[in-house]
N, C-alpha and C. Protein backbone atom coordinates (compact mmCIF):
# COMPACT_ATOMS: atom_id res chain seq x y z
N MET A 1 -20.79 9.20 15.09
CA MET A 1 -20.79 7.85 14.57
C MET A 1 -21.48 6.95 15.59
N SER A 2 -22.37 6.10 15.11
CA SER A 2 -23.10 5.20 16.00
C SER A 2 -22.16 4.14 16.60
N LYS A 3 -22.61 3.53 17.67
CA LYS A 3 -21.81 2.49 18.34
C LYS A 3 -21.54 1.33 17.38
N ALA A 4 -22.54 0.97 16.58
CA ALA A 4 -22.37 -0.13 15.62
C ALA A 4 -21.31 0.21 14.59
N LYS A 5 -21.31 1.45 14.10
CA LYS A 5 -20.31 1.86 13.12
C LYS A 5 -18.92 1.93 13.74
N GLN A 6 -18.85 2.35 15.00
CA GLN A 6 -17.56 2.38 15.70
C GLN A 6 -17.00 0.96 15.87
N THR A 7 -17.89 0.03 16.22
CA THR A 7 -17.47 -1.36 16.40
C THR A 7 -16.99 -1.94 15.07
N ARG A 8 -17.73 -1.68 14.01
CA ARG A 8 -17.36 -2.17 12.68
C ARG A 8 -15.99 -1.60 12.27
N ALA A 9 -15.80 -0.31 12.50
CA ALA A 9 -14.51 0.33 12.16
C ALA A 9 -13.38 -0.28 12.97
N LYS A 10 -13.62 -0.57 14.24
CA LYS A 10 -12.60 -1.18 15.10
C LYS A 10 -12.24 -2.58 14.59
N ILE A 11 -13.23 -3.34 14.19
CA ILE A 11 -12.97 -4.69 13.67
C ILE A 11 -12.12 -4.60 12.41
N ILE A 12 -12.48 -3.68 11.51
CA ILE A 12 -11.73 -3.53 10.26
C ILE A 12 -10.29 -3.14 10.55
N GLN A 13 -10.10 -2.18 11.43
CA GLN A 13 -8.75 -1.72 11.76
C GLN A 13 -7.90 -2.84 12.36
N GLN A 14 -8.45 -3.55 13.32
CA GLN A 14 -7.70 -4.63 13.97
C GLN A 14 -7.44 -5.77 12.99
N ALA A 15 -8.42 -6.12 12.20
CA ALA A 15 -8.24 -7.19 11.21
C ALA A 15 -7.21 -6.80 10.17
N ALA A 16 -7.23 -5.53 9.75
CA ALA A 16 -6.25 -5.07 8.76
C ALA A 16 -4.83 -5.27 9.27
N GLU A 17 -4.60 -4.92 10.53
CA GLU A 17 -3.27 -5.11 11.10
C GLU A 17 -2.90 -6.59 11.19
N LEU A 18 -3.85 -7.40 11.61
CA LEU A 18 -3.57 -8.85 11.71
C LEU A 18 -3.29 -9.46 10.34
N PHE A 19 -4.14 -9.16 9.37
CA PHE A 19 -3.93 -9.71 8.02
C PHE A 19 -2.61 -9.21 7.44
N ASN A 20 -2.28 -7.95 7.70
CA ASN A 20 -1.05 -7.39 7.15
C ASN A 20 0.19 -7.99 7.80
N GLN A 21 0.08 -8.42 9.03
CA GLN A 21 1.22 -9.01 9.73
C GLN A 21 1.27 -10.53 9.58
N GLN A 22 0.10 -11.18 9.62
CA GLN A 22 0.07 -12.65 9.63
C GLN A 22 -0.42 -13.26 8.33
N GLY A 23 -0.95 -12.45 7.44
CA GLY A 23 -1.53 -12.96 6.20
C GLY A 23 -2.97 -13.39 6.41
N TYR A 24 -3.68 -13.51 5.30
CA TYR A 24 -5.08 -13.90 5.36
C TYR A 24 -5.24 -15.28 5.99
N SER A 25 -4.45 -16.22 5.53
CA SER A 25 -4.55 -17.60 6.05
C SER A 25 -4.03 -17.70 7.48
N GLY A 26 -3.03 -16.90 7.81
CA GLY A 26 -2.41 -16.98 9.12
C GLY A 26 -3.21 -16.35 10.25
N ALA A 27 -4.09 -15.41 9.91
CA ALA A 27 -4.90 -14.74 10.93
C ALA A 27 -6.26 -15.42 11.01
N SER A 28 -6.54 -16.00 12.14
CA SER A 28 -7.81 -16.72 12.31
C SER A 28 -8.87 -15.79 12.91
N ILE A 29 -10.10 -16.25 12.85
CA ILE A 29 -11.18 -15.51 13.51
C ILE A 29 -10.89 -15.41 15.00
N ALA A 30 -10.30 -16.46 15.59
CA ALA A 30 -9.94 -16.41 17.01
C ALA A 30 -8.95 -15.27 17.28
N ASP A 31 -8.00 -15.07 16.35
CA ASP A 31 -7.05 -13.96 16.49
C ASP A 31 -7.77 -12.61 16.43
N ILE A 32 -8.71 -12.50 15.54
CA ILE A 32 -9.48 -11.26 15.40
C ILE A 32 -10.35 -11.04 16.64
N MET A 33 -10.92 -12.12 17.16
CA MET A 33 -11.71 -12.02 18.39
C MET A 33 -10.84 -11.51 19.54
N GLU A 34 -9.64 -12.05 19.65
CA GLU A 34 -8.73 -11.64 20.72
C GLU A 34 -8.33 -10.17 20.57
N ALA A 35 -8.02 -9.76 19.34
CA ALA A 35 -7.58 -8.38 19.10
C ALA A 35 -8.70 -7.36 19.35
N THR A 36 -9.92 -7.74 19.00
CA THR A 36 -11.04 -6.80 19.14
C THR A 36 -11.75 -6.90 20.48
N GLY A 37 -11.57 -8.03 21.17
CA GLY A 37 -12.29 -8.25 22.41
C GLY A 37 -13.74 -8.65 22.19
N LEU A 38 -14.05 -9.04 20.95
CA LEU A 38 -15.42 -9.44 20.60
C LEU A 38 -15.53 -10.95 20.46
N LYS A 39 -16.74 -11.44 20.60
CA LYS A 39 -16.99 -12.86 20.35
C LYS A 39 -17.26 -13.04 18.86
N LYS A 40 -17.27 -14.29 18.44
CA LYS A 40 -17.47 -14.60 17.03
C LYS A 40 -18.75 -13.96 16.50
N GLY A 41 -19.83 -14.06 17.28
CA GLY A 41 -21.11 -13.47 16.87
C GLY A 41 -21.03 -11.96 16.71
N GLY A 42 -20.21 -11.32 17.56
CA GLY A 42 -20.04 -9.88 17.45
C GLY A 42 -19.35 -9.47 16.16
N ILE A 43 -18.45 -10.31 15.70
CA ILE A 43 -17.77 -10.04 14.42
C ILE A 43 -18.70 -10.35 13.26
N TYR A 44 -19.36 -11.51 13.33
CA TYR A 44 -20.25 -11.90 12.23
C TYR A 44 -21.55 -11.12 12.21
N ASN A 45 -21.78 -10.34 13.21
CA ASN A 45 -22.91 -9.42 13.19
C ASN A 45 -22.64 -8.29 12.19
N HIS A 46 -21.35 -8.02 11.93
CA HIS A 46 -20.96 -6.92 11.04
C HIS A 46 -20.47 -7.41 9.68
N PHE A 47 -20.03 -8.66 9.60
CA PHE A 47 -19.49 -9.21 8.35
C PHE A 47 -20.03 -10.61 8.17
N LYS A 48 -20.41 -10.95 6.93
CA LYS A 48 -21.02 -12.27 6.73
C LYS A 48 -20.00 -13.40 6.84
N ASN A 49 -18.71 -13.09 6.56
CA ASN A 49 -17.67 -14.11 6.68
C ASN A 49 -16.28 -13.46 6.71
N LYS A 50 -15.28 -14.27 6.88
CA LYS A 50 -13.90 -13.79 6.95
C LYS A 50 -13.48 -13.15 5.63
N ASP A 51 -13.97 -13.69 4.52
CA ASP A 51 -13.63 -13.14 3.20
C ASP A 51 -14.08 -11.69 3.07
N GLU A 52 -15.31 -11.41 3.46
CA GLU A 52 -15.82 -10.04 3.39
C GLU A 52 -14.98 -9.11 4.27
N LEU A 53 -14.66 -9.57 5.46
CA LEU A 53 -13.83 -8.78 6.37
C LEU A 53 -12.45 -8.54 5.77
N ALA A 54 -11.87 -9.55 5.15
CA ALA A 54 -10.54 -9.41 4.54
C ALA A 54 -10.53 -8.35 3.45
N LEU A 55 -11.57 -8.32 2.63
CA LEU A 55 -11.66 -7.33 1.56
C LEU A 55 -11.75 -5.91 2.12
N GLU A 56 -12.58 -5.74 3.12
CA GLU A 56 -12.73 -4.41 3.73
C GLU A 56 -11.47 -4.01 4.50
N ALA A 57 -10.83 -4.98 5.12
CA ALA A 57 -9.60 -4.69 5.85
C ALA A 57 -8.49 -4.27 4.87
N PHE A 58 -8.42 -4.93 3.72
CA PHE A 58 -7.44 -4.52 2.72
C PHE A 58 -7.72 -3.10 2.24
N ASP A 59 -8.99 -2.81 1.94
CA ASP A 59 -9.35 -1.46 1.49
C ASP A 59 -8.92 -0.41 2.50
N TYR A 60 -9.14 -0.71 3.76
CA TYR A 60 -8.75 0.21 4.84
C TYR A 60 -7.24 0.39 4.87
N ALA A 61 -6.51 -0.72 4.86
CA ALA A 61 -5.04 -0.65 4.93
C ALA A 61 -4.47 0.09 3.73
N TYR A 62 -4.98 -0.21 2.55
CA TYR A 62 -4.47 0.44 1.35
C TYR A 62 -4.82 1.93 1.34
N SER A 63 -5.98 2.27 1.89
CA SER A 63 -6.35 3.69 1.93
C SER A 63 -5.36 4.49 2.77
N LEU A 64 -4.84 3.89 3.84
CA LEU A 64 -3.84 4.58 4.67
C LEU A 64 -2.57 4.83 3.88
N THR A 65 -2.14 3.84 3.11
CA THR A 65 -0.94 3.99 2.28
C THR A 65 -1.18 5.01 1.17
N SER A 66 -2.34 4.96 0.56
CA SER A 66 -2.67 5.90 -0.52
C SER A 66 -2.67 7.34 -0.02
N LYS A 67 -3.21 7.55 1.18
CA LYS A 67 -3.21 8.90 1.75
C LYS A 67 -1.79 9.40 1.97
N MET A 68 -0.92 8.52 2.44
CA MET A 68 0.48 8.88 2.66
C MET A 68 1.12 9.31 1.34
N ILE A 69 0.89 8.54 0.29
CA ILE A 69 1.46 8.85 -1.03
C ILE A 69 0.88 10.16 -1.55
N TRP A 70 -0.44 10.31 -1.47
CA TRP A 70 -1.09 11.50 -2.02
C TRP A 70 -0.63 12.76 -1.30
N GLN A 71 -0.43 12.69 0.01
CA GLN A 71 0.06 13.85 0.75
C GLN A 71 1.42 14.29 0.22
N ALA A 72 2.27 13.34 -0.10
CA ALA A 72 3.60 13.66 -0.61
C ALA A 72 3.53 14.23 -2.02
N VAL A 73 2.63 13.71 -2.84
CA VAL A 73 2.53 14.13 -4.24
C VAL A 73 1.89 15.50 -4.37
N LYS A 74 0.82 15.74 -3.65
CA LYS A 74 0.06 16.98 -3.87
C LYS A 74 0.80 18.24 -3.43
N GLN A 75 1.83 18.09 -2.62
CA GLN A 75 2.59 19.25 -2.15
C GLN A 75 3.61 19.74 -3.18
N LYS A 76 3.82 18.97 -4.22
CA LYS A 76 4.85 19.30 -5.22
C LYS A 76 4.21 19.87 -6.48
N ARG A 77 4.99 20.66 -7.21
CA ARG A 77 4.48 21.31 -8.43
C ARG A 77 4.85 20.55 -9.71
N SER A 78 6.13 20.31 -9.92
CA SER A 78 6.55 19.69 -11.18
C SER A 78 6.36 18.17 -11.13
N ALA A 79 6.33 17.58 -12.31
CA ALA A 79 6.14 16.12 -12.40
C ALA A 79 7.28 15.37 -11.73
N LYS A 80 8.50 15.79 -11.98
CA LYS A 80 9.65 15.10 -11.37
C LYS A 80 9.63 15.23 -9.85
N GLU A 81 9.29 16.41 -9.36
CA GLU A 81 9.21 16.60 -7.91
C GLU A 81 8.08 15.76 -7.31
N ARG A 82 6.98 15.60 -8.03
CA ARG A 82 5.89 14.75 -7.56
C ARG A 82 6.34 13.29 -7.47
N LEU A 83 7.04 12.84 -8.49
CA LEU A 83 7.54 11.46 -8.47
C LEU A 83 8.55 11.26 -7.35
N LYS A 84 9.44 12.23 -7.15
CA LYS A 84 10.41 12.15 -6.06
C LYS A 84 9.71 12.17 -4.71
N GLY A 85 8.67 13.00 -4.59
CA GLY A 85 7.91 13.05 -3.35
C GLY A 85 7.25 11.72 -3.04
N MET A 86 6.70 11.10 -4.08
CA MET A 86 6.08 9.79 -3.91
C MET A 86 7.09 8.77 -3.43
N VAL A 87 8.22 8.72 -4.09
CA VAL A 87 9.28 7.76 -3.75
C VAL A 87 9.79 8.04 -2.33
N SER A 88 10.05 9.30 -2.02
CA SER A 88 10.59 9.66 -0.70
C SER A 88 9.61 9.39 0.43
N SER A 89 8.32 9.41 0.13
CA SER A 89 7.32 9.17 1.19
C SER A 89 7.51 7.79 1.82
N TYR A 90 8.12 6.88 1.09
CA TYR A 90 8.32 5.53 1.61
C TYR A 90 9.45 5.45 2.64
N LEU A 91 10.24 6.50 2.75
CA LEU A 91 11.30 6.49 3.76
C LEU A 91 10.71 6.41 5.17
N ASP A 92 9.52 6.96 5.34
CA ASP A 92 8.83 6.87 6.63
C ASP A 92 8.18 5.51 6.83
N PHE A 93 8.09 4.74 5.77
CA PHE A 93 7.33 3.49 5.80
C PHE A 93 7.88 2.48 6.79
N ILE A 94 9.20 2.44 6.93
CA ILE A 94 9.82 1.46 7.83
C ILE A 94 9.68 1.92 9.28
N ALA A 95 10.05 3.17 9.57
CA ALA A 95 10.03 3.66 10.95
C ALA A 95 8.63 4.05 11.42
N ASN A 96 7.80 4.55 10.51
CA ASN A 96 6.48 5.05 10.88
C ASN A 96 5.44 4.56 9.87
N PRO A 97 5.20 3.26 9.82
CA PRO A 97 4.29 2.72 8.81
C PRO A 97 2.84 3.16 9.06
N PRO A 98 2.09 3.37 7.99
CA PRO A 98 0.68 3.73 8.17
C PRO A 98 -0.12 2.59 8.82
N ILE A 99 0.37 1.38 8.65
CA ILE A 99 -0.25 0.21 9.28
C ILE A 99 0.86 -0.80 9.61
N ALA A 100 0.74 -1.44 10.74
CA ALA A 100 1.76 -2.40 11.17
C ALA A 100 1.88 -3.55 10.17
N GLY A 101 3.12 -3.96 9.93
CA GLY A 101 3.34 -5.13 9.10
C GLY A 101 3.93 -4.87 7.73
N GLY A 102 4.12 -3.61 7.37
CA GLY A 102 4.70 -3.32 6.07
C GLY A 102 3.66 -2.91 5.05
N CYS A 103 4.03 -2.97 3.80
CA CYS A 103 3.17 -2.52 2.71
C CYS A 103 2.00 -3.48 2.52
N PRO A 104 0.77 -3.01 2.72
CA PRO A 104 -0.37 -3.91 2.57
C PRO A 104 -0.57 -4.42 1.14
N LEU A 105 -0.16 -3.62 0.17
CA LEU A 105 -0.29 -4.07 -1.21
C LEU A 105 0.67 -5.22 -1.50
N LEU A 106 1.92 -5.07 -1.10
CA LEU A 106 2.90 -6.14 -1.28
C LEU A 106 2.48 -7.39 -0.52
N ASN A 107 2.14 -7.22 0.75
CA ASN A 107 1.76 -8.37 1.58
C ASN A 107 0.55 -9.09 1.03
N THR A 108 -0.46 -8.34 0.62
CA THR A 108 -1.69 -8.95 0.12
C THR A 108 -1.46 -9.62 -1.23
N ALA A 109 -0.68 -8.97 -2.08
CA ALA A 109 -0.40 -9.57 -3.40
C ALA A 109 0.28 -10.93 -3.24
N LEU A 110 1.24 -11.01 -2.33
CA LEU A 110 1.95 -12.27 -2.11
C LEU A 110 1.08 -13.30 -1.40
N ASP A 111 0.33 -12.85 -0.41
CA ASP A 111 -0.48 -13.74 0.41
C ASP A 111 -1.67 -14.32 -0.35
N SER A 112 -2.26 -13.53 -1.23
CA SER A 112 -3.50 -13.96 -1.88
C SER A 112 -3.27 -14.52 -3.27
N ASP A 113 -2.04 -14.60 -3.69
CA ASP A 113 -1.70 -14.97 -5.06
C ASP A 113 -2.53 -16.13 -5.60
N ASP A 114 -2.52 -17.25 -4.91
CA ASP A 114 -3.25 -18.43 -5.40
C ASP A 114 -4.38 -18.86 -4.47
N THR A 115 -4.49 -18.23 -3.33
CA THR A 115 -5.42 -18.73 -2.32
C THR A 115 -6.72 -17.97 -2.20
N HIS A 116 -6.76 -16.73 -2.64
CA HIS A 116 -7.94 -15.90 -2.43
C HIS A 116 -8.13 -14.98 -3.64
N PRO A 117 -8.83 -15.46 -4.68
CA PRO A 117 -8.95 -14.69 -5.92
C PRO A 117 -9.57 -13.30 -5.74
N ALA A 118 -10.56 -13.16 -4.89
CA ALA A 118 -11.20 -11.84 -4.71
C ALA A 118 -10.23 -10.85 -4.07
N LEU A 119 -9.44 -11.33 -3.12
CA LEU A 119 -8.46 -10.47 -2.47
C LEU A 119 -7.32 -10.13 -3.44
N ARG A 120 -6.94 -11.10 -4.25
CA ARG A 120 -5.94 -10.86 -5.28
C ARG A 120 -6.43 -9.80 -6.26
N ASP A 121 -7.68 -9.89 -6.68
CA ASP A 121 -8.26 -8.89 -7.58
C ASP A 121 -8.24 -7.51 -6.95
N ARG A 122 -8.54 -7.44 -5.66
CA ARG A 122 -8.54 -6.17 -4.95
C ARG A 122 -7.13 -5.58 -4.94
N ALA A 123 -6.13 -6.42 -4.69
CA ALA A 123 -4.74 -5.96 -4.71
C ALA A 123 -4.33 -5.53 -6.12
N CYS A 124 -4.78 -6.25 -7.11
CA CYS A 124 -4.48 -5.91 -8.50
C CYS A 124 -5.08 -4.55 -8.85
N ASN A 125 -6.30 -4.30 -8.42
CA ASN A 125 -6.94 -3.00 -8.68
C ASN A 125 -6.18 -1.87 -7.99
N ALA A 126 -5.72 -2.12 -6.78
CA ALA A 126 -4.94 -1.11 -6.05
C ALA A 126 -3.63 -0.83 -6.78
N MET A 127 -2.97 -1.88 -7.26
CA MET A 127 -1.72 -1.71 -8.00
C MET A 127 -1.97 -0.91 -9.28
N THR A 128 -3.05 -1.22 -9.95
CA THR A 128 -3.40 -0.50 -11.18
C THR A 128 -3.63 0.98 -10.88
N SER A 129 -4.26 1.26 -9.77
CA SER A 129 -4.49 2.65 -9.36
C SER A 129 -3.16 3.37 -9.15
N TRP A 130 -2.22 2.72 -8.50
CA TRP A 130 -0.89 3.30 -8.27
C TRP A 130 -0.17 3.54 -9.60
N ARG A 131 -0.21 2.54 -10.46
CA ARG A 131 0.41 2.69 -11.79
C ARG A 131 -0.22 3.84 -12.56
N ASN A 132 -1.55 3.94 -12.49
CA ASN A 132 -2.26 5.01 -13.20
C ASN A 132 -1.85 6.39 -12.68
N LEU A 133 -1.64 6.51 -11.37
CA LEU A 133 -1.19 7.79 -10.81
C LEU A 133 0.17 8.17 -11.37
N ILE A 134 1.08 7.22 -11.40
CA ILE A 134 2.41 7.49 -11.95
C ILE A 134 2.30 7.86 -13.43
N ASP A 135 1.50 7.09 -14.18
CA ASP A 135 1.30 7.39 -15.61
C ASP A 135 0.78 8.81 -15.80
N LYS A 136 -0.20 9.19 -15.00
CA LYS A 136 -0.80 10.53 -15.13
C LYS A 136 0.22 11.62 -14.83
N ILE A 137 1.01 11.44 -13.79
CA ILE A 137 2.05 12.43 -13.44
C ILE A 137 3.03 12.57 -14.60
N ILE A 138 3.45 11.45 -15.16
CA ILE A 138 4.43 11.49 -16.25
C ILE A 138 3.82 12.11 -17.50
N GLN A 139 2.61 11.74 -17.85
CA GLN A 139 1.97 12.31 -19.04
C GLN A 139 1.80 13.82 -18.90
N THR A 140 1.45 14.27 -17.72
CA THR A 140 1.34 15.71 -17.47
C THR A 140 2.70 16.36 -17.62
N GLY A 141 3.74 15.71 -17.08
CA GLY A 141 5.11 16.23 -17.22
C GLY A 141 5.56 16.30 -18.66
N ILE A 142 5.17 15.34 -19.46
CA ILE A 142 5.51 15.35 -20.89
C ILE A 142 4.81 16.53 -21.58
N LYS A 143 3.53 16.71 -21.30
CA LYS A 143 2.77 17.81 -21.91
C LYS A 143 3.35 19.17 -21.54
N LYS A 144 3.87 19.30 -20.32
CA LYS A 144 4.43 20.57 -19.87
C LYS A 144 5.90 20.74 -20.25
N GLY A 145 6.48 19.73 -20.89
CA GLY A 145 7.87 19.81 -21.30
C GLY A 145 8.86 19.55 -20.16
N GLU A 146 8.39 18.99 -19.06
CA GLU A 146 9.25 18.70 -17.91
C GLU A 146 9.92 17.33 -18.03
N ILE A 147 9.31 16.46 -18.81
CA ILE A 147 9.81 15.09 -19.00
C ILE A 147 9.93 14.84 -20.49
N ASP A 148 10.98 14.15 -20.88
CA ASP A 148 11.23 13.84 -22.29
C ASP A 148 10.03 13.10 -22.89
N SER A 149 9.68 13.47 -24.09
CA SER A 149 8.50 12.88 -24.74
C SER A 149 8.68 11.41 -25.10
N GLN A 150 9.93 10.91 -25.08
CA GLN A 150 10.19 9.51 -25.39
C GLN A 150 10.01 8.58 -24.18
N VAL A 151 9.81 9.16 -23.01
CA VAL A 151 9.64 8.36 -21.79
C VAL A 151 8.33 7.58 -21.87
N GLU A 152 8.39 6.29 -21.53
CA GLU A 152 7.21 5.44 -21.50
C GLU A 152 6.66 5.41 -20.06
N PRO A 153 5.51 6.03 -19.82
CA PRO A 153 4.98 6.12 -18.46
C PRO A 153 4.83 4.78 -17.74
N ASP A 154 4.33 3.77 -18.44
CA ASP A 154 4.11 2.49 -17.75
C ASP A 154 5.43 1.79 -17.43
N LEU A 155 6.44 1.99 -18.25
CA LEU A 155 7.77 1.45 -17.95
C LEU A 155 8.32 2.09 -16.68
N VAL A 156 8.18 3.39 -16.57
CA VAL A 156 8.64 4.10 -15.36
C VAL A 156 7.87 3.60 -14.15
N ALA A 157 6.56 3.41 -14.29
CA ALA A 157 5.74 2.91 -13.17
C ALA A 157 6.25 1.56 -12.70
N THR A 158 6.55 0.68 -13.64
CA THR A 158 7.08 -0.65 -13.28
C THR A 158 8.38 -0.52 -12.50
N ILE A 159 9.27 0.33 -12.98
CA ILE A 159 10.58 0.48 -12.32
C ILE A 159 10.42 1.09 -10.93
N LEU A 160 9.62 2.14 -10.80
CA LEU A 160 9.44 2.78 -9.50
C LEU A 160 8.82 1.83 -8.49
N ILE A 161 7.72 1.20 -8.88
CA ILE A 161 6.99 0.33 -7.96
C ILE A 161 7.83 -0.89 -7.58
N SER A 162 8.44 -1.53 -8.56
CA SER A 162 9.24 -2.72 -8.28
C SER A 162 10.41 -2.41 -7.37
N THR A 163 11.06 -1.30 -7.62
CA THR A 163 12.21 -0.92 -6.80
C THR A 163 11.79 -0.61 -5.37
N ILE A 164 10.73 0.16 -5.23
CA ILE A 164 10.25 0.52 -3.89
C ILE A 164 9.82 -0.73 -3.12
N GLU A 165 8.99 -1.54 -3.74
CA GLU A 165 8.48 -2.73 -3.03
C GLU A 165 9.61 -3.71 -2.69
N GLY A 166 10.54 -3.89 -3.60
CA GLY A 166 11.67 -4.76 -3.31
C GLY A 166 12.52 -4.22 -2.17
N ALA A 167 12.71 -2.91 -2.15
CA ALA A 167 13.51 -2.30 -1.08
C ALA A 167 12.80 -2.37 0.27
N ILE A 168 11.47 -2.24 0.25
CA ILE A 168 10.70 -2.39 1.50
C ILE A 168 10.88 -3.81 2.03
N MET A 169 10.77 -4.79 1.14
CA MET A 169 10.93 -6.18 1.55
C MET A 169 12.32 -6.42 2.14
N MET A 170 13.35 -5.91 1.48
CA MET A 170 14.71 -6.10 1.99
C MET A 170 14.92 -5.40 3.33
N SER A 171 14.38 -4.19 3.45
CA SER A 171 14.53 -3.44 4.70
C SER A 171 13.82 -4.14 5.85
N LYS A 172 12.65 -4.70 5.57
CA LYS A 172 11.93 -5.45 6.61
C LYS A 172 12.68 -6.73 6.97
N LEU A 173 13.16 -7.43 5.95
CA LEU A 173 13.85 -8.69 6.18
C LEU A 173 15.11 -8.49 7.02
N TYR A 174 15.89 -7.48 6.68
CA TYR A 174 17.14 -7.23 7.39
C TYR A 174 16.96 -6.28 8.58
N GLN A 175 15.75 -5.78 8.75
CA GLN A 175 15.46 -4.80 9.81
C GLN A 175 16.45 -3.64 9.74
N ASP A 176 16.60 -3.12 8.52
CA ASP A 176 17.55 -2.05 8.27
C ASP A 176 17.02 -1.19 7.11
N SER A 177 16.74 0.06 7.39
CA SER A 177 16.17 0.95 6.37
C SER A 177 17.19 1.33 5.29
N LEU A 178 18.44 0.93 5.45
CA LEU A 178 19.47 1.25 4.48
C LEU A 178 19.07 0.84 3.06
N HIS A 179 18.44 -0.29 2.91
CA HIS A 179 18.07 -0.80 1.59
C HIS A 179 17.04 0.12 0.92
N LEU A 180 16.08 0.57 1.68
CA LEU A 180 15.09 1.51 1.14
C LEU A 180 15.73 2.87 0.86
N GLU A 181 16.61 3.31 1.73
CA GLU A 181 17.31 4.58 1.51
C GLU A 181 18.12 4.54 0.22
N ARG A 182 18.81 3.43 -0.02
CA ARG A 182 19.58 3.28 -1.26
C ARG A 182 18.66 3.32 -2.49
N ALA A 183 17.55 2.63 -2.39
CA ALA A 183 16.62 2.57 -3.51
C ALA A 183 16.04 3.95 -3.81
N VAL A 184 15.68 4.69 -2.77
CA VAL A 184 15.12 6.03 -2.96
C VAL A 184 16.17 6.94 -3.61
N LYS A 185 17.40 6.88 -3.14
CA LYS A 185 18.47 7.70 -3.72
C LYS A 185 18.65 7.36 -5.21
N HIS A 186 18.66 6.08 -5.52
CA HIS A 186 18.80 5.66 -6.92
C HIS A 186 17.62 6.15 -7.75
N LEU A 187 16.41 6.01 -7.22
CA LEU A 187 15.23 6.44 -7.98
C LEU A 187 15.19 7.95 -8.19
N HIS A 188 15.71 8.71 -7.25
CA HIS A 188 15.80 10.16 -7.45
C HIS A 188 16.68 10.47 -8.66
N SER A 189 17.80 9.79 -8.78
CA SER A 189 18.69 10.00 -9.94
C SER A 189 17.99 9.56 -11.23
N TYR A 190 17.31 8.43 -11.15
CA TYR A 190 16.58 7.93 -12.31
C TYR A 190 15.52 8.95 -12.76
N ILE A 191 14.78 9.49 -11.80
CA ILE A 191 13.73 10.48 -12.12
C ILE A 191 14.35 11.75 -12.71
N ASP A 192 15.46 12.18 -12.18
CA ASP A 192 16.14 13.38 -12.72
C ASP A 192 16.47 13.23 -14.19
N ASN A 193 16.71 12.00 -14.63
CA ASN A 193 17.11 11.75 -16.02
C ASN A 193 15.94 11.46 -16.96
N LEU A 194 14.73 11.56 -16.48
CA LEU A 194 13.57 11.30 -17.34
C LEU A 194 13.39 12.42 -18.36
């Protein structure tokens, strides 16, 4: 990898952590300069503006989370075990997060809601991708007779995602993984009954 590509990757990584911890509005270019050790020109040599950097930083942060989820899912055979693997993968999220600051999808969705439409769209696309993965796992499970044919895949996706994200928020707020542990245990029972 060339020096320029290494520098660009370093900027994205550092910015992703800052945006994930401080929010898009809360993390200034000065903060990014301090984290990377670069001057403003060194950052803008790689990105035309903070908005472009924010989009790439989100993509980077979300890719780390997606890899974590995919690793848990691909090791399982049945649809229910895949869903349980996905849910259980978040137990590491509090103690060993793929990126500092919590779930980048949750943080970005809340941070960009009304202030940054392009970043909000990026978060929406990531959420849709997650929902689609759950839908696909469930539809495959229905075809194989592992999941009841009356189960609505998108309803299950809503329940799984909302419960996980809410539990992550509570665990971060209280600095106690108990909330996420409870949610995962509940979702395992819910998945067993699909």
